[in-house]
Amino acid sequence: MTQAELAAAVGVSRQTVVAIEKGDYAPSVYVAIRIAGALDSTVECLFPVPTNE
């Protein structure tokens, strides 16, 4: 799936997808859920919470 296809499926711009991939932008919960659904994955898998170990 291309960035443009993912963006269209989620309802955001391709630039938003690029920023999320680069770690420059943290998506809202709603966008994260839509991304996970479009990629047949889970939010937890795509956006793991860093641990302070």
C-alpha atoms as a PDB file:
ATOM      1  CA  MET A   1       0.000   0.000   0.000  1.00  0.00           C
ATOM      2  CA  THR A   2       1.394   3.389  -0.932  1.00  0.00           C
ATOM      3  CA  GLN A   3       1.365   6.404   1.346  1.00  0.00           C
ATOM      4  CA  ALA A   4      -1.221   8.008  -0.931  1.00  0.00           C
ATOM      5  CA  GLU A   5      -3.460   4.931  -0.783  1.00  0.00           C
ATOM      6  CA  LEU A   6      -3.193   4.767   3.008  1.00  0.00           C
ATOM      7  CA  ALA A   7      -3.923   8.463   3.301  1.00  0.00           C
ATOM      8  CA  ALA A   8      -7.022   8.117   1.125  1.00  0.00           C
ATOM      9  CA  ALA A   9      -8.234   5.085   3.106  1.00  0.00           C
ATOM     10  CA  VAL A  10      -7.764   6.903   6.411  1.00  0.00           C
ATOM     11  CA  GLY A  11      -8.985  10.320   5.321  1.00  0.00           C
ATOM     12  CA  VAL A  12      -5.791  12.311   5.847  1.00  0.00           C
ATOM     13  CA  SER A  13      -3.226  13.862   3.524  1.00  0.00           C
ATOM     14  CA  ARG A  14      -0.209  11.975   2.231  1.00  0.00           C
ATOM     15  CA  GLN A  15       1.933  14.539   4.065  1.00  0.00           C
ATOM     16  CA  THR A  16       0.285  13.496   7.325  1.00  0.00           C
ATOM     17  CA  VAL A  17       1.174   9.860   6.661  1.00  0.00           C
ATOM     18  CA  VAL A  18       4.772  10.887   5.914  1.00  0.00           C
ATOM     19  CA  ALA A  19       4.974  12.901   9.155  1.00  0.00           C
ATOM     20  CA  ILE A  20       3.576   9.982  11.182  1.00  0.00           C
ATOM     21  CA  GLU A  21       6.064   7.551   9.605  1.00  0.00           C
ATOM     22  CA  LYS A  22       8.963   9.905  10.368  1.00  0.00           C
ATOM     23  CA  GLY A  23       7.843  10.333  13.965  1.00  0.00           C
ATOM     24  CA  ASP A  24       7.283  14.060  13.483  1.00  0.00           C
ATOM     25  CA  TYR A  25       3.554  13.824  14.203  1.00  0.00           C
ATOM     26  CA  ALA A  26       1.581  11.755  16.699  1.00  0.00           C
ATOM     27  CA  PRO A  27      -1.842  10.937  15.257  1.00  0.00           C
ATOM     28  CA  SER A  28      -5.035  11.295  17.236  1.00  0.00           C
ATOM     29  CA  VAL A  29      -6.549   8.141  18.638  1.00  0.00           C
ATOM     30  CA  TYR A  30      -9.168   8.205  15.885  1.00  0.00           C
ATOM     31  CA  VAL A  31      -6.594   8.461  13.097  1.00  0.00           C
ATOM     32  CA  ALA A  32      -4.441   5.763  14.703  1.00  0.00           C
ATOM     33  CA  ILE A  33      -7.448   3.430  14.837  1.00  0.00           C
ATOM     34  CA  ARG A  34      -8.254   4.101  11.166  1.00  0.00           C
ATOM     35  CA  ILE A  35      -4.611   3.487  10.167  1.00  0.00           C
ATOM     36  CA  ALA A  36      -4.547   0.218  12.093  1.00  0.00           C
ATOM     37  CA  GLY A  37      -7.786  -0.888  10.453  1.00  0.00           C
ATOM     38  CA  ALA A  38      -6.552   0.007   6.974  1.00  0.00           C
ATOM     39  CA  LEU A  39      -3.363  -1.988   7.570  1.00  0.00           C
ATOM     40  CA  ASP A  40      -5.172  -4.912   9.245  1.00  0.00           C
ATOM     41  CA  SER A  41      -3.125  -4.372  12.378  1.00  0.00           C
ATOM     42  CA  THR A  42      -3.569  -2.968  15.871  1.00  0.00           C
ATOM     43  CA  VAL A  43      -2.808   0.446  17.299  1.00  0.00           C
ATOM     44  CA  GLU A  44      -0.601  -1.200  19.931  1.00  0.00           C
ATOM     45  CA  CYS A  45       1.470  -2.901  17.241  1.00  0.00           C
ATOM     46  CA  LEU A  46       1.862   0.200  15.066  1.00  0.00           C
ATOM     47  CA  PHE A  47       2.356   2.727  17.879  1.00  0.00           C
ATOM     48  CA  PRO A  48       4.082   0.988  20.801  1.00  0.00           C
ATOM     49  CA  VAL A  49       4.362   2.963  24.017  1.00  0.00           C
ATOM     50  CA  PRO A  50       8.007   3.480  24.947  1.00  0.00           C
ATOM     51  CA  THR A  51       9.006   2.122  28.328  1.00  0.00           C
ATOM     52  CA  ASN A  52      11.244   3.957  30.784  1.00  0.00           C
ATOM     53  CA  GLU A  53      13.555   1.090  31.580  1.00  0.00           C
END
